Amino acid sequence: MTFYAVGKPNKEFRTIEGEASAQLNKRAGEVIVEVDQTGLRGKISADGKSIVLHVASMEEELDKIRQRRTSLLARCDFILMPDAPFTAAEVEEWKAYRMELRDITDTQPETKFEDIVWPEPPFPLP
């Protein structure tokens, strides 16, 4: 399948699958540029013949990392509850895992989200 970036020059574009759909979704003053995939972010070039991709800032990367970390921490919060059905040794394993998650932005600084090596949980949760 072929994808197309549709938008005005020097403006953000949207990606549409198929030339016919791109033509149907094209508005006044917009151009269509063939692209090799969907999910791209950026702008149509000034001349309207290509795209200029958006490169995520390190702060944007850190935001994505923090969101994922928060989600992973939330999944195992209950393990630290006093009535959780885990042994003291298991709880210690989870504490170590949680510490690795909390430290991830310090242990892997200046790393893009897709390159982060996430720690493995001690064992699958019930």
PDB file of N, CA and C in Angstrom:
ATOM      1  N   MET A   1       0.846  -1.178   0.000  1.00  0.00           N
ATOM      2  CA  MET A   1       0.000   0.000   0.000  1.00  0.00           C
ATOM      3  C   MET A   1       0.887   1.235   0.000  1.00  0.00           C
ATOM      4  N   THR A   2       0.436   2.259  -0.635  1.00  0.00           N
ATOM      5  CA  THR A   2       1.167   3.525  -0.710  1.00  0.00           C
ATOM      6  C   THR A   2       0.486   4.548   0.193  1.00  0.00           C
ATOM      7  N   PHE A   3       1.314   5.382   0.836  1.00  0.00           N
ATOM      8  CA  PHE A   3       0.812   6.400   1.746  1.00  0.00           C
ATOM      9  C   PHE A   3       1.168   7.780   1.209  1.00  0.00           C
ATOM     10  N   TYR A   4       0.357   8.755   1.588  1.00  0.00           N
ATOM     11  CA  TYR A   4       0.548  10.115   1.110  1.00  0.00           C
ATOM     12  C   TYR A   4       0.435  11.101   2.268  1.00  0.00           C
ATOM     13  N   ALA A   5       1.331  12.080   2.260  1.00  0.00           N
ATOM     14  CA  ALA A   5       1.253  13.195   3.201  1.00  0.00           C
ATOM     15  C   ALA A   5       0.428  14.271   2.509  1.00  0.00           C
ATOM     16  N   VAL A   6      -0.587  14.765   3.209  1.00  0.00           N
ATOM     17  CA  VAL A   6      -1.470  15.768   2.633  1.00  0.00           C
ATOM     18  C   VAL A   6      -1.466  16.978   3.552  1.00  0.00           C
ATOM     19  N   GLY A   7      -1.194  18.145   2.976  1.00  0.00           N
ATOM     20  CA  GLY A   7      -1.199  19.363   3.767  1.00  0.00           C
ATOM     21  C   GLY A   7      -0.703  20.546   2.958  1.00  0.00           C
ATOM     22  N   LYS A   8      -0.708  21.706   3.604  1.00  0.00           N
ATOM     23  CA  LYS A   8      -0.224  22.923   2.960  1.00  0.00           C
ATOM     24  C   LYS A   8       1.281  23.044   3.178  1.00  0.00           C
ATOM     25  N   PRO A   9       1.996  23.646   2.215  1.00  0.00           N
ATOM     26  CA  PRO A   9       3.428  23.867   2.396  1.00  0.00           C
ATOM     27  C   PRO A   9       3.719  24.620   3.701  1.00  0.00           C
ATOM     28  N   ASN A  10       4.783  24.190   4.383  1.00  0.00           N
ATOM     29  CA  ASN A  10       5.226  24.752   5.669  1.00  0.00           C
ATOM     30  C   ASN A  10       4.249  24.494   6.807  1.00  0.00           C
ATOM     31  N   LYS A  11       3.321  23.574   6.632  1.00  0.00           N
ATOM     32  CA  LYS A  11       2.347  23.237   7.672  1.00  0.00           C
ATOM     33  C   LYS A  11       2.415  21.739   7.971  1.00  0.00           C
ATOM     34  N   GLU A  12       1.892  21.372   9.157  1.00  0.00           N
ATOM     35  CA  GLU A  12       1.819  19.960   9.534  1.00  0.00           C
ATOM     36  C   GLU A  12       0.987  19.200   8.507  1.00  0.00           C
ATOM     37  N   PHE A  13       1.364  17.960   8.252  1.00  0.00           N
ATOM     38  CA  PHE A  13       0.604  17.141   7.307  1.00  0.00           C
ATOM     39  C   PHE A  13      -0.105  16.014   8.034  1.00  0.00           C
ATOM     40  N   ARG A  14      -1.036  15.401   7.342  1.00  0.00           N
ATOM     41  CA  ARG A  14      -1.678  14.180   7.821  1.00  0.00           C
ATOM     42  C   ARG A  14      -1.360  13.092   6.807  1.00  0.00           C
ATOM     43  N   THR A  15      -1.283  11.862   7.259  1.00  0.00           N
ATOM     44  CA  THR A  15      -0.940  10.750   6.372  1.00  0.00           C
ATOM     45  C   THR A  15      -2.206   9.988   6.019  1.00  0.00           C
ATOM     46  N   ILE A  16      -2.361   9.720   4.721  1.00  0.00           N
ATOM     47  CA  ILE A  16      -3.546   9.037   4.224  1.00  0.00           C
ATOM     48  C   ILE A  16      -3.111   7.864   3.365  1.00  0.00           C
ATOM     49  N   GLU A  17      -3.805   6.750   3.514  1.00  0.00           N
ATOM     50  CA  GLU A  17      -3.490   5.541   2.759  1.00  0.00           C
ATOM     51  C   GLU A  17      -4.230   5.567   1.424  1.00  0.00           C
ATOM     52  N   GLY A  18      -3.488   5.382   0.333  1.00  0.00           N
ATOM     53  CA  GLY A  18      -4.083   5.293  -0.991  1.00  0.00           C
ATOM     54  C   GLY A  18      -4.238   6.643  -1.682  1.00  0.00           C
ATOM     55  N   GLU A  19      -3.878   6.663  -2.947  1.00  0.00           N
ATOM     56  CA  GLU A  19      -3.917   7.917  -3.706  1.00  0.00           C
ATOM     57  C   GLU A  19      -5.337   8.463  -3.855  1.00  0.00           C
ATOM     58  N   ALA A  20      -6.296   7.577  -4.091  1.00  0.00           N
ATOM     59  CA  ALA A  20      -7.678   8.036  -4.263  1.00  0.00           C
ATOM     60  C   ALA A  20      -8.181   8.706  -2.982  1.00  0.00           C
ATOM     61  N   SER A  21      -7.878   8.106  -1.843  1.00  0.00           N
ATOM     62  CA  SER A  21      -8.288   8.698  -0.563  1.00  0.00           C
ATOM     63  C   SER A  21      -7.594  10.031  -0.334  1.00  0.00           C
ATOM     64  N   ALA A  22      -6.321  10.093  -0.701  1.00  0.00           N
ATOM     65  CA  ALA A  22      -5.577  11.345  -0.539  1.00  0.00           C
ATOM     66  C   ALA A  22      -6.210  12.448  -1.386  1.00  0.00           C
ATOM     67  N   GLN A  23      -6.572  12.108  -2.633  1.00  0.00           N
ATOM     68  CA  GLN A  23      -7.201  13.095  -3.513  1.00  0.00           C
ATOM     69  C   GLN A  23      -8.548  13.556  -2.945  1.00  0.00           C
ATOM     70  N   LEU A  24      -9.303  12.613  -2.389  1.00  0.00           N
ATOM     71  CA  LEU A  24     -10.612  12.953  -1.830  1.00  0.00           C
ATOM     72  C   LEU A  24     -10.493  13.826  -0.574  1.00  0.00           C
ATOM     73  N   ASN A  25      -9.407  13.632   0.183  1.00  0.00           N
ATOM     74  CA  ASN A  25      -9.222  14.360   1.438  1.00  0.00           C
ATOM     75  C   ASN A  25      -8.417  15.645   1.289  1.00  0.00           C
ATOM     76  N   LYS A  26      -7.947  15.911   0.098  1.00  0.00           N
ATOM     77  CA  LYS A  26      -7.167  17.128  -0.165  1.00  0.00           C
ATOM     78  C   LYS A  26      -8.080  18.341  -0.144  1.00  0.00           C
ATOM     79  N   ARG A  27      -7.660  19.360   0.623  1.00  0.00           N
ATOM     80  CA  ARG A  27      -8.430  20.607   0.708  1.00  0.00           C
ATOM     81  C   ARG A  27      -7.758  21.690  -0.134  1.00  0.00           C
ATOM     82  N   ALA A  28      -8.417  22.814  -0.285  1.00  0.00           N
ATOM     83  CA  ALA A  28      -7.890  23.933  -1.077  1.00  0.00           C
ATOM     84  C   ALA A  28      -6.508  24.348  -0.568  1.00  0.00           C
ATOM     85  N   GLY A  29      -5.561  24.491  -1.482  1.00  0.00           N
ATOM     86  CA  GLY A  29      -4.214  24.946  -1.148  1.00  0.00           C
ATOM     87  C   GLY A  29      -3.292  23.853  -0.652  1.00  0.00           C
ATOM     88  N   GLU A  30      -3.794  22.635  -0.542  1.00  0.00           N
ATOM     89  CA  GLU A  30      -2.960  21.534  -0.059  1.00  0.00           C
ATOM     90  C   GLU A  30      -2.300  20.797  -1.209  1.00  0.00           C
ATOM     91  N   VAL A  31      -1.203  20.134  -0.877  1.00  0.00           N
ATOM     92  CA  VAL A  31      -0.480  19.317  -1.848  1.00  0.00           C
ATOM     93  C   VAL A  31      -0.443  17.883  -1.327  1.00  0.00           C
ATOM     94  N   ILE A  32      -0.100  16.974  -2.216  1.00  0.00           N
ATOM     95  CA  ILE A  32       0.017  15.562  -1.867  1.00  0.00           C
ATOM     96  C   ILE A  32       1.440  15.118  -2.181  1.00  0.00           C
ATOM     97  N   VAL A  33       2.072  14.483  -1.183  1.00  0.00           N
ATOM     98  CA  VAL A  33       3.440  13.986  -1.338  1.00  0.00           C
ATOM     99  C   VAL A  33       3.447  12.506  -0.963  1.00  0.00           C
ATOM    100  N   GLU A  34       3.972  11.658  -1.834  1.00  0.00           N
ATOM    101  CA  GLU A  34       4.051  10.233  -1.530  1.00  0.00           C
ATOM    102  C   GLU A  34       5.099  10.002  -0.437  1.00  0.00           C
ATOM    103  N   VAL A  35       4.751   9.176   0.554  1.00  0.00           N
ATOM    104  CA  VAL A  35       5.671   8.816   1.637  1.00  0.00           C
ATOM    105  C   VAL A  35       5.701   7.300   1.764  1.00  0.00           C
ATOM    106  N   ASP A  36       6.705   6.782   2.442  1.00  0.00           N
ATOM    107  CA  ASP A  36       6.878   5.335   2.489  1.00  0.00           C
ATOM    108  C   ASP A  36       6.206   4.643   3.670  1.00  0.00           C
ATOM    109  N   GLN A  37       5.631   5.420   4.592  1.00  0.00           N
ATOM    110  CA  GLN A  37       4.969   4.790   5.732  1.00  0.00           C
ATOM    111  C   GLN A  37       3.986   5.746   6.380  1.00  0.00           C
ATOM    112  N   THR A  38       3.166   5.200   7.247  1.00  0.00           N
ATOM    113  CA  THR A  38       2.243   6.012   8.011  1.00  0.00           C
ATOM    114  C   THR A  38       2.845   6.264   9.393  1.00  0.00           C
ATOM    115  N   GLY A  39       2.254   7.141  10.162  1.00  0.00           N
ATOM    116  CA  GLY A  39       2.749   7.408  11.502  1.00  0.00           C
ATOM    117  C   GLY A  39       3.853   8.451  11.558  1.00  0.00           C
ATOM    118  N   LEU A  40       4.148   9.088  10.437  1.00  0.00           N
ATOM    119  CA  LEU A  40       5.186  10.117  10.406  1.00  0.00           C
ATOM    120  C   LEU A  40       4.642  11.429  10.956  1.00  0.00           C
ATOM    121  N   ARG A  41       5.540  12.253  11.498  1.00  0.00           N
ATOM    122  CA  ARG A  41       5.161  13.595  11.959  1.00  0.00           C
ATOM    123  C   ARG A  41       6.097  14.589  11.306  1.00  0.00           C
ATOM    124  N   GLY A  42       5.551  15.705  10.857  1.00  0.00           N
ATOM    125  CA  GLY A  42       6.379  16.734  10.261  1.00  0.00           C
ATOM    126  C   GLY A  42       5.549  17.718   9.462  1.00  0.00           C
ATOM    127  N   LYS A  43       6.252  18.409   8.566  1.00  0.00           N
ATOM    128  CA  LYS A  43       5.604  19.430   7.740  1.00  0.00           C
ATOM    129  C   LYS A  43       5.874  19.149   6.271  1.00  0.00           C
ATOM    130  N   ILE A  44       5.004  19.684   5.439  1.00  0.00           N
ATOM    131  CA  ILE A  44       5.241  19.685   3.995  1.00  0.00           C
ATOM    132  C   ILE A  44       6.318  20.749   3.748  1.00  0.00           C
ATOM    133  N   SER A  45       7.261  20.450   2.868  1.00  0.00           N
ATOM    134  CA  SER A  45       8.324  21.420   2.562  1.00  0.00           C
ATOM    135  C   SER A  45       7.751  22.689   1.945  1.00  0.00           C
ATOM    136  N   ALA A  46       8.547  23.753   1.938  1.00  0.00           N
ATOM    137  CA  ALA A  46       8.097  25.048   1.408  1.00  0.00           C
ATOM    138  C   ALA A  46       7.710  24.951  -0.064  1.00  0.00           C
ATOM    139  N   ASP A  47       8.436  24.107  -0.825  1.00  0.00           N
ATOM    140  CA  ASP A  47       8.121  23.983  -2.247  1.00  0.00           C
ATOM    141  C   ASP A  47       6.983  22.997  -2.513  1.00  0.00           C
ATOM    142  N   GLY A  48       6.524  22.309  -1.461  1.00  0.00           N
ATOM    143  CA  GLY A  48       5.404  21.385  -1.600  1.00  0.00           C
ATOM    144  C   GLY A  48       5.742  20.075  -2.274  1.00  0.00           C
ATOM    145  N   LYS A  49       7.043  19.758  -2.421  1.00  0.00           N
ATOM    146  CA  LYS A  49       7.445  18.554  -3.152  1.00  0.00           C
ATOM    147  C   LYS A  49       7.974  17.440  -2.259  1.00  0.00           C
ATOM    148  N   SER A  50       8.163  17.717  -0.967  1.00  0.00           N
ATOM    149  CA  SER A  50       8.692  16.709  -0.058  1.00  0.00           C
ATOM    150  C   SER A  50       8.183  17.005   1.355  1.00  0.00           C
ATOM    151  N   ILE A  51       8.620  16.184   2.305  1.00  0.00           N
ATOM    152  CA  ILE A  51       8.242  16.417   3.692  1.00  0.00           C
ATOM    153  C   ILE A  51       9.494  16.668   4.523  1.00  0.00           C
ATOM    154  N   VAL A  52       9.322  17.371   5.618  1.00  0.00           N
ATOM    155  CA  VAL A  52      10.393  17.609   6.580  1.00  0.00           C
ATOM    156  C   VAL A  52       9.920  16.954   7.869  1.00  0.00           C
ATOM    157  N   LEU A  53      10.607  15.879   8.288  1.00  0.00           N
ATOM    158  CA  LEU A  53      10.166  15.124   9.449  1.00  0.00           C
ATOM    159  C   LEU A  53      10.459  15.853  10.750  1.00  0.00           C
ATOM    160  N   HIS A  54       9.573  15.667  11.702  1.00  0.00           N
ATOM    161  CA  HIS A  54       9.747  16.202  13.054  1.00  0.00           C
ATOM    162  C   HIS A  54      10.681  15.257  13.813  1.00  0.00           C
ATOM    163  N   VAL A  55      11.701  15.801  14.427  1.00  0.00           N
ATOM    164  CA  VAL A  55      12.599  15.014  15.261  1.00  0.00           C
ATOM    165  C   VAL A  55      12.240  15.325  16.709  1.00  0.00           C
ATOM    166  N   ALA A  56      11.893  14.278  17.461  1.00  0.00           N
ATOM    167  CA  ALA A  56      11.475  14.466  18.846  1.00  0.00           C
ATOM    168  C   ALA A  56      12.630  15.023  19.678  1.00  0.00           C
ATOM    169  N   SER A  57      12.314  15.978  20.527  1.00  0.00           N
ATOM    170  CA  SER A  57      13.317  16.533  21.430  1.00  0.00           C
ATOM    171  C   SER A  57      13.578  15.529  22.550  1.00  0.00           C
ATOM    172  N   MET A  58      14.684  15.715  23.251  1.00  0.00           N
ATOM    173  CA  MET A  58      14.997  14.828  24.363  1.00  0.00           C
ATOM    174  C   MET A  58      13.915  14.927  25.435  1.00  0.00           C
ATOM    175  N   GLU A  59      13.330  16.104  25.606  1.00  0.00           N
ATOM    176  CA  GLU A  59      12.259  16.254  26.603  1.00  0.00           C
ATOM    177  C   GLU A  59      11.033  15.426  26.214  1.00  0.00           C
ATOM    178  N   GLU A  60      10.713  15.380  24.913  1.00  0.00           N
ATOM    179  CA  GLU A  60       9.600  14.549  24.454  1.00  0.00           C
ATOM    180  C   GLU A  60       9.897  13.069  24.687  1.00  0.00           C
ATOM    181  N   GLU A  61      11.146  12.682  24.440  1.00  0.00           N
ATOM    182  CA  GLU A  61      11.558  11.291  24.677  1.00  0.00           C
ATOM    183  C   GLU A  61      11.437  10.961  26.162  1.00  0.00           C
ATOM    184  N   LEU A  62      11.904  11.867  27.020  1.00  0.00           N
ATOM    185  CA  LEU A  62      11.824  11.646  28.467  1.00  0.00           C
ATOM    186  C   LEU A  62      10.378  11.552  28.934  1.00  0.00           C
ATOM    187  N   ASP A  63       9.498  12.346  28.359  1.00  0.00           N
ATOM    188  CA  ASP A  63       8.080  12.276  28.715  1.00  0.00           C
ATOM    189  C   ASP A  63       7.510  10.891  28.399  1.00  0.00           C
ATOM    190  N   LYS A  64       7.850  10.347  27.231  1.00  0.00           N
ATOM    191  CA  LYS A  64       7.363   9.014  26.867  1.00  0.00           C
ATOM    192  C   LYS A  64       7.928   7.955  27.818  1.00  0.00           C
ATOM    193  N   ILE A  65       9.214   8.090  28.159  1.00  0.00           N
ATOM    194  CA  ILE A  65       9.849   7.139  29.077  1.00  0.00           C
ATOM    195  C   ILE A  65       9.170   7.207  30.444  1.00  0.00           C
ATOM    196  N   ARG A  66       8.945   8.407  30.933  1.00  0.00           N
ATOM    197  CA  ARG A  66       8.304   8.567  32.252  1.00  0.00           C
ATOM    198  C   ARG A  66       6.888   8.007  32.262  1.00  0.00           C
ATOM    199  N   GLN A  67       6.148   8.199  31.185  1.00  0.00           N
ATOM    200  CA  GLN A  67       4.785   7.660  31.112  1.00  0.00           C
ATOM    201  C   GLN A  67       4.798   6.139  31.186  1.00  0.00           C
ATOM    202  N   ARG A  68       5.696   5.532  30.424  1.00  0.00           N
ATOM    203  CA  ARG A  68       5.792   4.058  30.444  1.00  0.00           C
ATOM    204  C   ARG A  68       6.231   3.585  31.821  1.00  0.00           C
ATOM    205  N   ARG A  69       7.220   4.254  32.410  1.00  0.00           N
ATOM    206  CA  ARG A  69       7.711   3.875  33.733  1.00  0.00           C
ATOM    207  C   ARG A  69       6.579   3.958  34.757  1.00  0.00           C
ATOM    208  N   THR A  70       5.818   5.025  34.725  1.00  0.00           N
ATOM    209  CA  THR A  70       4.711   5.193  35.665  1.00  0.00           C
ATOM    210  C   THR A  70       3.695   4.065  35.517  1.00  0.00           C
ATOM    211  N   SER A  71       3.408   3.685  34.292  1.00  0.00           N
ATOM    212  CA  SER A  71       2.479   2.591  34.028  1.00  0.00           C
ATOM    213  C   SER A  71       3.009   1.276  34.589  1.00  0.00           C
ATOM    214  N   LEU A  72       4.290   0.996  34.361  1.00  0.00           N
ATOM    215  CA  LEU A  72       4.888  -0.248  34.861  1.00  0.00           C
ATOM    216  C   LEU A  72       4.910  -0.276  36.389  1.00  0.00           C
ATOM    217  N   LEU A  73       5.200   0.853  37.006  1.00  0.00           N
ATOM    218  CA  LEU A  73       5.198   0.922  38.471  1.00  0.00           C
ATOM    219  C   LEU A  73       3.785   0.702  39.023  1.00  0.00           C
ATOM    220  N   ALA A  74       2.796   1.289  38.373  1.00  0.00           N
ATOM    221  CA  ALA A  74       1.416   1.163  38.845  1.00  0.00           C
ATOM    222  C   ALA A  74       0.932  -0.287  38.795  1.00  0.00           C
ATOM    223  N   ARG A  75       1.398  -1.031  37.801  1.00  0.00           N
ATOM    224  CA  ARG A  75       0.971  -2.434  37.663  1.00  0.00           C
ATOM    225  C   ARG A  75       1.385  -3.290  38.857  1.00  0.00           C
ATOM    226  N   CYS A  76       2.469  -2.907  39.528  1.00  0.00           N
ATOM    227  CA  CYS A  76       2.959  -3.750  40.619  1.00  0.00           C
ATOM    228  C   CYS A  76       2.890  -3.053  41.980  1.00  0.00           C
ATOM    229  N   ASP A  77       2.154  -1.979  42.087  1.00  0.00           N
ATOM    230  CA  ASP A  77       1.994  -1.282  43.369  1.00  0.00           C
ATOM    231  C   ASP A  77       1.474  -2.202  44.467  1.00  0.00           C
ATOM    232  N   PHE A  78       0.504  -3.034  44.118  1.00  0.00           N
ATOM    233  CA  PHE A  78      -0.163  -3.860  45.132  1.00  0.00           C
ATOM    234  C   PHE A  78       0.779  -4.834  45.822  1.00  0.00           C
ATOM    235  N   ILE A  79       1.902  -5.146  45.200  1.00  0.00           N
ATOM    236  CA  ILE A  79       2.855  -6.096  45.775  1.00  0.00           C
ATOM    237  C   ILE A  79       3.419  -5.586  47.097  1.00  0.00           C
ATOM    238  N   LEU A  80       3.496  -4.276  47.231  1.00  0.00           N
ATOM    239  CA  LEU A  80       4.067  -3.695  48.443  1.00  0.00           C
ATOM    240  C   LEU A  80       3.049  -3.557  49.576  1.00  0.00           C
ATOM    241  N   MET A  81       1.814  -3.907  49.322  1.00  0.00           N
ATOM    242  CA  MET A  81       0.791  -3.835  50.365  1.00  0.00           C
ATOM    243  C   MET A  81       1.054  -4.921  51.407  1.00  0.00           C
ATOM    244  N   PRO A  82       0.812  -4.619  52.680  1.00  0.00           N
ATOM    245  CA  PRO A  82       1.107  -5.589  53.743  1.00  0.00           C
ATOM    246  C   PRO A  82       0.371  -6.920  53.596  1.00  0.00           C
ATOM    247  N   ASP A  83      -0.821  -6.901  52.993  1.00  0.00           N
ATOM    248  CA  ASP A  83      -1.589  -8.144  52.870  1.00  0.00           C
ATOM    249  C   ASP A  83      -1.400  -8.838  51.515  1.00  0.00           C
ATOM    250  N   ALA A  84      -0.418  -8.403  50.742  1.00  0.00           N
ATOM    251  CA  ALA A  84      -0.169  -9.029  49.442  1.00  0.00           C
ATOM    252  C   ALA A  84       0.342 -10.459  49.656  1.00  0.00           C
ATOM    253  N   PRO A  85      -0.087 -11.402  48.814  1.00  0.00           N
ATOM    254  CA  PRO A  85       0.253 -12.822  49.005  1.00  0.00           C
ATOM    255  C   PRO A  85       1.650 -13.190  48.469  1.00  0.00           C
ATOM    256  N   PHE A  86       2.676 -12.465  48.930  1.00  0.00           N
ATOM    257  CA  PHE A  86       4.033 -12.732  48.463  1.00  0.00           C
ATOM    258  C   PHE A  86       4.966 -12.900  49.651  1.00  0.00           C
ATOM    259  N   THR A  87       6.013 -13.690  49.454  1.00  0.00           N
ATOM    260  CA  THR A  87       6.996 -13.873  50.516  1.00  0.00           C
ATOM    261  C   THR A  87       7.859 -12.627  50.634  1.00  0.00           C
ATOM    262  N   ALA A  88       8.576 -12.507  51.727  1.00  0.00           N
ATOM    263  CA  ALA A  88       9.470 -11.366  51.922  1.00  0.00           C
ATOM    264  C   ALA A  88      10.524 -11.319  50.816  1.00  0.00           C
ATOM    265  N   ALA A  89      11.009 -12.481  50.404  1.00  0.00           N
ATOM    266  CA  ALA A  89      12.021 -12.536  49.341  1.00  0.00           C
ATOM    267  C   ALA A  89      11.444 -12.037  48.011  1.00  0.00           C
ATOM    268  N   GLU A  90      10.219 -12.425  47.715  1.00  0.00           N
ATOM    269  CA  GLU A  90       9.576 -11.973  46.478  1.00  0.00           C
ATOM    270  C   GLU A  90       9.357 -10.461  46.502  1.00  0.00           C
ATOM    271  N   VAL A  91       8.937  -9.955  47.643  1.00  0.00           N
ATOM    272  CA  VAL A  91       8.727  -8.512  47.776  1.00  0.00           C
ATOM    273  C   VAL A  91      10.050  -7.776  47.550  1.00  0.00           C
ATOM    274  N   GLU A  92      11.146  -8.293  48.074  1.00  0.00           N
ATOM    275  CA  GLU A  92      12.457  -7.668  47.871  1.00  0.00           C
ATOM    276  C   GLU A  92      12.853  -7.660  46.390  1.00  0.00           C
ATOM    277  N   GLU A  93      12.538  -8.749  45.679  1.00  0.00           N
ATOM    278  CA  GLU A  93      12.812  -8.788  44.231  1.00  0.00           C
ATOM    279  C   GLU A  93      12.045  -7.682  43.511  1.00  0.00           C
ATOM    280  N   TRP A  94      10.779  -7.515  43.891  1.00  0.00           N
ATOM    281  CA  TRP A  94       9.961  -6.484  43.262  1.00  0.00           C
ATOM    282  C   TRP A  94      10.438  -5.088  43.637  1.00  0.00           C
ATOM    283  N   LYS A  95      10.912  -4.918  44.853  1.00  0.00           N
ATOM    284  CA  LYS A  95      11.450  -3.617  45.257  1.00  0.00           C
ATOM    285  C   LYS A  95      12.657  -3.263  44.393  1.00  0.00           C
ATOM    286  N   ALA A  96      13.515  -4.255  44.131  1.00  0.00           N
ATOM    287  CA  ALA A  96      14.701  -4.026  43.291  1.00  0.00           C
ATOM    288  C   ALA A  96      14.279  -3.664  41.863  1.00  0.00           C
ATOM    289  N   TYR A  97      13.290  -4.373  41.339  1.00  0.00           N
ATOM    290  CA  TYR A  97      12.761  -4.096  39.998  1.00  0.00           C
ATOM    291  C   TYR A  97      12.218  -2.670  39.933  1.00  0.00           C
ATOM    292  N   ARG A  98      11.433  -2.290  40.950  1.00  0.00           N
ATOM    293  CA  ARG A  98      10.850  -0.955  40.994  1.00  0.00           C
ATOM    294  C   ARG A  98      11.937   0.119  41.078  1.00  0.00           C
ATOM    295  N   MET A  99      13.009  -0.158  41.806  1.00  0.00           N
ATOM    296  CA  MET A  99      14.115   0.798  41.895  1.00  0.00           C
ATOM    297  C   MET A  99      14.787   0.953  40.519  1.00  0.00           C
ATOM    298  N   GLU A 100      14.951  -0.149  39.792  1.00  0.00           N
ATOM    299  CA  GLU A 100      15.516  -0.071  38.439  1.00  0.00           C
ATOM    300  C   GLU A 100      14.637   0.814  37.542  1.00  0.00           C
ATOM    301  N   LEU A 101      13.323   0.654  37.673  1.00  0.00           N
ATOM    302  CA  LEU A 101      12.411   1.488  36.883  1.00  0.00           C
ATOM    303  C   LEU A 101      12.554   2.960  37.260  1.00  0.00           C
ATOM    304  N   ARG A 102      12.586   3.236  38.557  1.00  0.00           N
ATOM    305  CA  ARG A 102      12.680   4.635  38.991  1.00  0.00           C
ATOM    306  C   ARG A 102      13.989   5.275  38.534  1.00  0.00           C
ATOM    307  N   ASP A 103      15.058   4.485  38.465  1.00  0.00           N
ATOM    308  CA  ASP A 103      16.379   5.012  38.107  1.00  0.00           C
ATOM    309  C   ASP A 103      16.650   5.023  36.598  1.00  0.00           C
ATOM    310  N   ILE A 104      15.710   4.582  35.798  1.00  0.00           N
ATOM    311  CA  ILE A 104      15.963   4.366  34.370  1.00  0.00           C
ATOM    312  C   ILE A 104      16.445   5.622  33.638  1.00  0.00           C
ATOM    313  N   THR A 105      15.955   6.787  34.004  1.00  0.00           N
ATOM    314  CA  THR A 105      16.409   8.002  33.316  1.00  0.00           C
ATOM    315  C   THR A 105      17.815   8.412  33.765  1.00  0.00           C
ATOM    316  N   ASP A 106      18.269   7.895  34.903  1.00  0.00           N
ATOM    317  CA  ASP A 106      19.645   8.148  35.359  1.00  0.00           C
ATOM    318  C   ASP A 106      20.622   7.120  34.811  1.00  0.00           C
ATOM    319  N   THR A 107      20.167   5.859  34.715  1.00  0.00           N
ATOM    320  CA  THR A 107      21.061   4.799  34.251  1.00  0.00           C
ATOM    321  C   THR A 107      21.175   4.736  32.730  1.00  0.00           C
ATOM    322  N   GLN A 108      20.193   5.334  32.029  1.00  0.00           N
ATOM    323  CA  GLN A 108      20.224   5.359  30.566  1.00  0.00           C
ATOM    324  C   GLN A 108      19.934   6.787  30.073  1.00  0.00           C
ATOM    325  N   PRO A 109      20.786   7.738  30.472  1.00  0.00           N
ATOM    326  CA  PRO A 109      20.533   9.137  30.081  1.00  0.00           C
ATOM    327  C   PRO A 109      20.686   9.345  28.578  1.00  0.00           C
ATOM    328  N   GLU A 110      19.972  10.361  28.077  1.00  0.00           N
ATOM    329  CA  GLU A 110      20.057  10.729  26.654  1.00  0.00           C
ATOM    330  C   GLU A 110      19.727   9.559  25.735  1.00  0.00           C
ATOM    331  N   THR A 111      18.823   8.684  26.169  1.00  0.00           N
ATOM    332  CA  THR A 111      18.424   7.520  25.376  1.00  0.00           C
ATOM    333  C   THR A 111      17.018   7.744  24.845  1.00  0.00           C
ATOM    334  N   LYS A 112      16.824   7.439  23.565  1.00  0.00           N
ATOM    335  CA  LYS A 112      15.495   7.549  22.973  1.00  0.00           C
ATOM    336  C   LYS A 112      14.591   6.457  23.545  1.00  0.00           C
ATOM    337  N   PHE A 113      13.297   6.739  23.551  1.00  0.00           N
ATOM    338  CA  PHE A 113      12.316   5.804  24.100  1.00  0.00           C
ATOM    339  C   PHE A 113      12.471   4.408  23.496  1.00  0.00           C
ATOM    340  N   GLU A 114      12.571   4.328  22.170  1.00  0.00           N
ATOM    341  CA  GLU A 114      12.620   3.010  21.525  1.00  0.00           C
ATOM    342  C   GLU A 114      13.922   2.256  21.800  1.00  0.00           C
ATOM    343  N   ASP A 115      14.947   2.949  22.337  1.00  0.00           N
ATOM    344  CA  ASP A 115      16.221   2.292  22.637  1.00  0.00           C
ATOM    345  C   ASP A 115      16.390   1.937  24.114  1.00  0.00           C
ATOM    346  N   ILE A 116      15.420   2.284  24.936  1.00  0.00           N
ATOM    347  CA  ILE A 116      15.505   1.984  26.366  1.00  0.00           C
ATOM    348  C   ILE A 116      15.474   0.468  26.563  1.00  0.00           C
ATOM    349  N   VAL A 117      16.342  -0.025  27.442  1.00  0.00           N
ATOM    350  CA  VAL A 117      16.323  -1.431  27.831  1.00  0.00           C
ATOM    351  C   VAL A 117      15.577  -1.486  29.161  1.00  0.00           C
ATOM    352  N   TRP A 118      14.349  -1.958  29.094  1.00  0.00           N
ATOM    353  CA  TRP A 118      13.490  -2.001  30.276  1.00  0.00           C
ATOM    354  C   TRP A 118      13.846  -3.216  31.119  1.00  0.00           C
ATOM    355  N   PRO A 119      13.886  -3.061  32.447  1.00  0.00           N
ATOM    356  CA  PRO A 119      14.164  -4.217  33.302  1.00  0.00           C
ATOM    357  C   PRO A 119      13.025  -5.230  33.230  1.00  0.00           C
ATOM    358  N   GLU A 120      13.377  -6.482  33.431  1.00  0.00           N
ATOM    359  CA  GLU A 120      12.374  -7.547  33.421  1.00  0.00           C
ATOM    360  C   GLU A 120      11.802  -7.713  34.821  1.00  0.00           C
ATOM    361  N   PRO A 121      10.489  -7.855  34.939  1.00  0.00           N
ATOM    362  CA  PRO A 121       9.914  -8.102  36.258  1.00  0.00           C
ATOM    363  C   PRO A 121      10.387  -9.458  36.791  1.00  0.00           C
ATOM    364  N   PRO A 122      10.462  -9.621  38.095  1.00  0.00           N
ATOM    365  CA  PRO A 122      10.941 -10.884  38.673  1.00  0.00           C
ATOM    366  C   PRO A 122      10.152 -12.124  38.237  1.00  0.00           C
ATOM    367  N   PHE A 123       8.842 -11.965  38.116  1.00  0.00           N
ATOM    368  CA  PHE A 123       7.990 -13.054  37.649  1.00  0.00           C
ATOM    369  C   PHE A 123       6.666 -12.459  37.208  1.00  0.00           C
ATOM    370  N   PRO A 124       5.909 -13.193  36.363  1.00  0.00           N
ATOM    371  CA  PRO A 124       4.615 -12.675  35.893  1.00  0.00           C
ATOM    372  C   PRO A 124       3.661 -12.462  37.061  1.00  0.00           C
ATOM    373  N   LEU A 125       2.879 -11.418  36.965  1.00  0.00           N
ATOM    374  CA  LEU A 125       1.897 -11.145  38.004  1.00  0.00           C
ATOM    375  C   LEU A 125       0.628 -11.957  37.776  1.00  0.00           C
ATOM    376  N   PRO A 126      -0.071 -12.280  38.875  1.00  0.00           N
ATOM    377  CA  PRO A 126      -1.319 -13.049  38.733  1.00  0.00           C
ATOM    378  C   PRO A 126      -2.404 -12.220  38.081  1.00  0.00           C
TER     379      PRO A 126
END
